[in-house]
Amino acid sequence: QVQLVESGGGLVPTGESLRLSCAVSGRTFAISVMGWYRQAPGKQRELVATISSGGTTKYADSVKGRFTISRDNAKTTVTLQMDSLKPEDTAVYYCYLKRSIDWNKDYWGQGTQVTVSS
C-alpha cells in the first residue's frame, strides 16, 4: 500500500503565503506523477498542479505564476508553495500520485484545509 499525508494547511489573509507538504510512505517504488488537487465547498475536485518524475510541471490557469510545485524523489515528498493567495483558493487540498506499475489506480491523501480570508 501507499500512504500520503499532507501538512501545512491553515488560515491566512489575502496576499499571504502557505506551503503544503505531502509525505509518501509504504510501497513508494515506481512513483510517476505527483500533484495536488483541491475541492471547494459545493464544487468538484479540480487539478491544481502536477509534476512528473522527470520534473515536468503542469498548473491550473488560476494558479499559474502564484503556485510552485516541487518534489524530492529521494524523500518521496511533494510540496506546493502558494503565494499571493486569494479567497477563491479556499478549499481542501489533496495530495495525489500515480505509479507506473498500477497506472489505473489513483492514490490520495486525506486532505488539508486552506482558508484565505478577505
Protein backbone atom coordinates (compact mmCIF):
# COMPACT_ATOMS: atom_id res chain seq x y z
CA GLN A 1 0.00 0.00 0.00
CA VAL A 2 0.89 3.63 -0.37
CA GLN A 3 0.13 6.28 2.25
CA LEU A 4 0.07 10.02 1.63
CA VAL A 5 -0.02 12.52 4.49
CA GLU A 6 -0.46 16.24 3.87
CA SER A 7 0.57 19.05 6.17
CA GLY A 8 0.83 22.83 6.10
CA GLY A 9 -2.74 24.00 5.66
CA GLY A 10 -4.24 26.82 7.68
CA LEU A 11 -5.95 30.20 7.74
CA VAL A 12 -4.21 33.18 6.15
CA PRO A 13 -5.27 36.65 4.94
CA THR A 14 -5.41 37.56 1.27
CA GLY A 15 -1.99 38.03 -0.27
CA GLU A 16 -0.11 35.82 2.15
CA SER A 17 1.64 32.52 1.52
CA LEU A 18 1.36 28.91 2.61
CA ARG A 19 3.48 25.87 1.90
CA LEU A 20 1.85 22.45 1.68
CA SER A 21 3.85 19.26 2.01
CA CYS A 22 2.96 15.65 1.31
CA ALA A 23 4.98 12.76 2.68
CA VAL A 24 4.62 9.41 0.94
CA SER A 25 5.33 6.09 2.66
CA GLY A 26 4.81 2.42 2.04
CA ARG A 27 5.44 0.93 -1.39
CA THR A 28 6.93 4.07 -2.90
CA PHE A 29 8.67 2.47 -5.87
CA ALA A 30 7.64 3.35 -9.40
CA ILE A 31 6.02 6.66 -8.42
CA SER A 32 5.34 8.55 -11.62
CA VAL A 33 3.13 11.63 -11.41
CA MET A 34 2.64 13.51 -8.14
CA GLY A 35 0.46 16.50 -7.58
CA TRP A 36 -2.20 18.47 -5.82
CA TYR A 37 -5.94 18.77 -6.33
CA ARG A 38 -8.41 20.89 -4.42
CA GLN A 39 -12.10 20.88 -3.67
CA ALA A 40 -14.07 23.90 -2.56
CA PRO A 41 -17.50 23.58 -0.90
CA GLY A 42 -20.16 22.70 -3.45
CA LYS A 43 -17.63 22.29 -6.26
CA GLN A 44 -15.93 19.39 -7.97
CA ARG A 45 -12.38 18.41 -7.18
CA GLU A 46 -10.02 20.19 -9.58
CA LEU A 47 -6.40 19.89 -10.57
CA VAL A 48 -4.04 22.46 -9.07
CA ALA A 49 -0.62 21.26 -10.18
CA THR A 50 1.22 18.09 -11.12
CA ILE A 51 4.86 17.16 -11.57
CA SER A 52 6.28 14.16 -13.39
CA SER A 53 9.19 12.02 -12.26
CA GLY A 54 11.32 13.97 -14.72
CA GLY A 55 10.27 17.32 -13.30
CA THR A 56 7.75 18.42 -15.93
CA THR A 57 5.11 20.59 -14.29
CA LYS A 58 1.52 21.44 -15.12
CA TYR A 59 -0.61 24.11 -13.47
CA ALA A 60 -4.22 25.17 -13.50
CA ASP A 61 -4.58 28.55 -15.20
CA SER A 62 -5.98 30.02 -11.99
CA VAL A 63 -2.74 29.40 -10.07
CA LYS A 64 -0.06 29.96 -12.72
CA GLY A 65 2.53 32.43 -11.55
CA ARG A 66 1.42 32.15 -7.92
CA PHE A 67 1.90 28.47 -7.03
CA THR A 68 5.02 26.34 -7.42
CA ILE A 69 5.11 22.55 -7.20
CA SER A 70 8.28 20.61 -6.46
CA ARG A 71 9.24 17.09 -5.46
CA ASP A 72 12.07 15.27 -3.77
CA ASN A 73 12.30 11.81 -5.26
CA ALA A 74 14.77 10.60 -2.64
CA LYS A 75 12.45 11.57 0.21
CA THR A 76 9.29 10.87 -1.80
CA THR A 77 7.75 14.19 -0.90
CA VAL A 78 5.91 16.76 -2.94
CA THR A 79 5.38 20.36 -1.92
CA LEU A 80 3.19 23.18 -3.09
CA GLN A 81 4.35 26.73 -2.44
CA MET A 82 1.33 29.01 -2.61
CA ASP A 83 1.96 32.75 -2.85
CA SER A 84 -0.38 35.71 -3.31
CA LEU A 85 -3.27 33.68 -2.00
CA LYS A 86 -6.81 34.73 -2.83
CA PRO A 87 -10.15 33.92 -1.16
CA GLU A 88 -11.02 31.76 -4.17
CA ASP A 89 -8.10 29.50 -3.27
CA THR A 90 -10.02 28.40 -0.18
CA ALA A 91 -10.51 24.63 -0.40
CA VAL A 92 -9.43 21.27 0.90
CA TYR A 93 -6.17 20.40 -0.82
CA TYR A 94 -5.40 16.76 -1.63
CA CYS A 95 -2.06 15.20 -2.41
CA TYR A 96 -2.16 12.74 -5.30
CA LEU A 97 0.08 10.30 -7.09
CA LYS A 98 0.17 7.60 -9.71
CA ARG A 99 2.62 4.73 -10.06
CA SER A 100 3.79 3.32 -13.35
CA ILE A 101 3.14 -0.25 -12.16
CA ASP A 102 -0.57 0.31 -11.48
CA TRP A 103 -1.36 3.30 -13.66
CA ASN A 104 -5.13 2.86 -13.42
CA LYS A 105 -5.05 3.41 -9.66
CA ASP A 106 -5.03 6.87 -8.07
CA TYR A 107 -3.59 7.36 -4.60
CA TRP A 108 -4.89 10.21 -2.43
CA GLY A 109 -4.11 11.82 0.89
CA GLN A 110 -6.75 12.72 3.44
CA GLY A 111 -6.68 16.41 2.58
CA THR A 112 -5.68 19.60 4.35
CA GLN A 113 -7.82 22.72 4.70
CA VAL A 114 -6.63 26.02 3.26
CA THR A 115 -8.70 29.09 4.09
CA VAL A 116 -7.90 32.55 2.74
CA SER A 117 -9.74 35.39 4.42
CA SER A 118 -10.73 38.51 2.53
